[in-house]
Amino acid sequence: MADYPVTLSSTRISPLSTQEESATGFNTKFKILYSDIAVATSTVSTDTVTVTLAALPANWFINAGAVVISTVFAGTGGLALTVGPTTSAAALISSTSVLTKATLNQTVGTPIMTNLKATATANLTATFTNSVSGSPSAFTAGELDIYVNIQDVAKLP
């Protein structure tokens, strides 16, 4: 088993408008396609791919998160996703399959003020863990959007 780090292209990071943020509670959207995690050298069924979504500010907290799987991931027998800061990789979205269309809500019982805040820079990551059969290099389809509300404490009034 090996982990393959990938950085999400800035073209797939979208700040949401004030109206969208007001309506949904999220201020940023990250779009991940199967081609982002289909790492050619990742050929073992238990490999993981960690996608760096964004660098978080020096003093931050995240108070909302969700994932919308619009196209199921294909080419593997099992694929799970976790989302969180590098300090607690599954704090926002706990390990959940991405092999069916679904909306994944924030991890139940996650203490936001414990696991989703820090006074030091961290990265927000999405980790894909392959299992059962196939490998990340074999993905042929899949698309999801990760929505979060990241707050920079230094910008609060």
Protein backbone atom coordinates (compact mmCIF):
# COMPACT_ATOMS: atom_id res chain seq x y z
CA MET A 1 0.00 0.00 0.00
CA ALA A 2 1.26 3.44 -0.91
CA ASP A 3 -0.16 6.94 -0.79
CA TYR A 4 -0.03 9.09 -3.90
CA PRO A 5 -0.26 12.87 -3.25
CA VAL A 6 -2.06 15.04 -5.81
CA THR A 7 -2.79 18.78 -5.72
CA LEU A 8 -6.16 19.86 -7.11
CA SER A 9 -5.93 22.27 -10.05
CA SER A 10 -6.94 25.84 -9.16
CA THR A 11 -9.39 25.72 -12.07
CA ARG A 12 -11.50 23.29 -10.04
CA ILE A 13 -11.69 25.49 -6.93
CA SER A 14 -14.65 27.85 -6.94
CA PRO A 15 -15.41 30.51 -4.36
CA LEU A 16 -19.19 30.68 -4.06
CA SER A 17 -21.04 33.96 -4.44
CA THR A 18 -22.47 35.81 -1.45
CA GLN A 19 -25.95 34.67 -2.54
CA GLU A 20 -24.85 31.02 -2.80
CA GLU A 21 -23.11 31.22 0.56
CA SER A 22 -26.18 32.75 2.17
CA ALA A 23 -28.45 30.06 0.69
CA THR A 24 -26.24 27.03 1.40
CA GLY A 25 -23.86 27.89 4.24
CA PHE A 26 -20.84 27.00 2.08
CA ASN A 27 -18.26 29.44 0.70
CA THR A 28 -16.05 27.16 -1.44
CA LYS A 29 -16.57 24.29 -3.89
CA PHE A 30 -13.90 21.79 -4.97
CA LYS A 31 -14.57 19.59 -8.03
CA ILE A 32 -12.73 16.26 -8.23
CA LEU A 33 -12.80 14.13 -11.38
CA TYR A 34 -11.74 10.49 -11.63
CA SER A 35 -8.80 11.61 -13.79
CA ASP A 36 -7.44 13.58 -10.80
CA ILE A 37 -7.01 10.39 -8.79
CA ALA A 38 -6.27 7.90 -11.59
CA VAL A 39 -2.56 7.92 -10.80
CA ALA A 40 -0.83 5.70 -13.38
CA THR A 41 1.71 4.35 -10.90
CA SER A 42 -0.94 3.47 -8.30
CA THR A 43 -1.59 -0.15 -9.24
CA VAL A 44 -2.15 -1.92 -5.90
CA SER A 45 -5.70 -2.55 -4.67
CA THR A 46 -5.01 -0.97 -1.26
CA ASP A 47 -3.36 2.22 -2.52
CA THR A 48 -4.59 5.64 -1.42
CA VAL A 49 -4.62 8.98 -3.23
CA THR A 50 -4.55 12.14 -1.12
CA VAL A 51 -5.76 15.24 -2.94
CA THR A 52 -4.70 18.57 -1.45
CA LEU A 53 -7.70 20.84 -1.93
CA ALA A 54 -6.39 24.07 -0.38
CA ALA A 55 -3.99 25.57 2.09
CA LEU A 56 -5.90 26.78 5.13
CA PRO A 57 -5.16 30.16 6.73
CA ALA A 58 -2.93 30.40 9.81
CA ASN A 59 -5.93 30.77 12.15
CA TRP A 60 -8.97 28.98 10.74
CA PHE A 61 -12.09 26.93 11.37
CA ILE A 62 -14.50 24.99 9.16
CA ASN A 63 -18.12 24.91 10.30
CA ALA A 64 -19.88 23.18 7.39
CA GLY A 65 -19.11 20.52 4.82
CA ALA A 66 -20.79 18.19 2.34
CA VAL A 67 -19.95 16.05 -0.69
CA VAL A 68 -22.18 15.57 -3.74
CA ILE A 69 -21.30 12.53 -5.85
CA SER A 70 -22.78 13.28 -9.28
CA THR A 71 -21.07 10.49 -11.24
CA VAL A 72 -20.17 7.25 -9.48
CA PHE A 73 -16.54 6.20 -9.52
CA ALA A 74 -15.95 3.16 -11.73
CA GLY A 75 -13.00 0.85 -12.30
CA THR A 76 -12.59 -0.45 -8.77
CA GLY A 77 -14.29 -2.88 -6.41
CA GLY A 78 -14.27 -0.43 -3.50
CA LEU A 79 -13.40 3.22 -3.02
CA ALA A 80 -13.94 5.32 0.09
CA LEU A 81 -13.48 9.04 0.68
CA THR A 82 -12.53 11.03 3.77
CA VAL A 83 -12.27 14.83 3.95
CA GLY A 84 -10.53 16.91 6.58
CA PRO A 85 -7.48 18.97 7.45
CA THR A 86 -4.08 17.31 7.50
CA THR A 87 -4.33 17.40 11.30
CA SER A 88 -7.45 15.15 11.28
CA ALA A 89 -8.02 13.70 7.79
CA ALA A 90 -11.55 12.35 8.40
CA ALA A 91 -12.84 15.13 10.64
CA LEU A 92 -15.17 16.69 8.07
CA ILE A 93 -16.39 13.65 6.09
CA SER A 94 -15.80 10.20 7.57
CA SER A 95 -14.90 7.20 5.42
CA THR A 96 -17.76 6.69 2.95
CA SER A 97 -18.06 4.85 -0.38
CA VAL A 98 -18.14 6.92 -3.57
CA LEU A 99 -19.44 4.05 -5.71
CA THR A 100 -23.06 5.32 -5.65
CA LYS A 101 -24.62 8.71 -6.31
CA ALA A 102 -25.19 10.38 -2.98
CA THR A 103 -24.94 13.49 -0.87
CA LEU A 104 -22.60 12.97 2.07
CA ASN A 105 -23.15 15.17 5.10
CA GLN A 106 -20.62 16.34 7.61
CA THR A 107 -19.43 13.67 10.03
CA VAL A 108 -21.97 13.28 12.82
CA GLY A 109 -20.65 14.18 16.24
CA THR A 110 -17.51 15.91 14.98
CA PRO A 111 -16.63 18.58 17.50
CA ILE A 112 -15.93 21.51 15.18
CA MET A 113 -14.07 23.48 17.78
CA THR A 114 -11.75 20.51 18.45
CA ASN A 115 -11.04 18.83 15.10
CA LEU A 116 -11.89 21.51 12.54
CA LYS A 117 -9.92 24.51 13.77
CA ALA A 118 -6.32 25.45 14.31
CA THR A 119 -3.96 28.31 14.92
CA ALA A 120 -1.39 26.89 12.52
CA THR A 121 -1.43 26.43 8.78
CA ALA A 122 -2.73 23.09 7.51
CA ASN A 123 -4.06 21.75 4.23
CA LEU A 124 -7.60 20.63 3.53
CA THR A 125 -7.42 17.17 1.93
CA ALA A 126 -9.63 14.53 0.35
CA THR A 127 -8.27 11.01 0.74
CA PHE A 128 -9.46 8.21 -1.52
CA THR A 129 -8.80 4.69 -0.21
CA ASN A 130 -9.09 1.87 -2.73
CA SER A 131 -10.01 -1.62 -1.54
CA VAL A 132 -11.23 -5.02 -2.71
CA SER A 133 -10.08 -5.02 -6.36
CA GLY A 134 -8.81 -2.73 -9.08
CA SER A 135 -6.60 0.23 -8.30
CA PRO A 136 -6.64 4.02 -8.66
CA SER A 137 -4.86 3.68 -12.01
CA ALA A 138 -7.89 1.80 -13.40
CA PHE A 139 -10.57 4.46 -12.79
CA THR A 140 -12.75 5.13 -15.83
CA ALA A 141 -15.45 7.45 -14.45
CA GLY A 142 -16.35 9.52 -11.42
CA GLU A 143 -17.06 13.10 -10.37
CA LEU A 144 -17.86 14.77 -7.07
CA ASP A 145 -18.08 18.22 -5.53
CA ILE A 146 -16.89 19.02 -2.02
CA TYR A 147 -18.54 22.02 -0.38
CA VAL A 148 -17.07 23.68 2.72
CA ASN A 149 -17.34 26.84 4.76
CA ILE A 150 -13.78 27.84 5.62
CA GLN A 151 -13.38 30.85 7.91
CA ASP A 152 -10.21 32.88 8.37
CA VAL A 153 -10.36 34.08 11.97
CA ALA A 154 -8.10 37.05 11.15
CA LYS A 155 -10.84 38.42 8.87
CA LEU A 156 -13.63 38.29 11.46
CA PRO A 157 -14.86 41.70 12.66
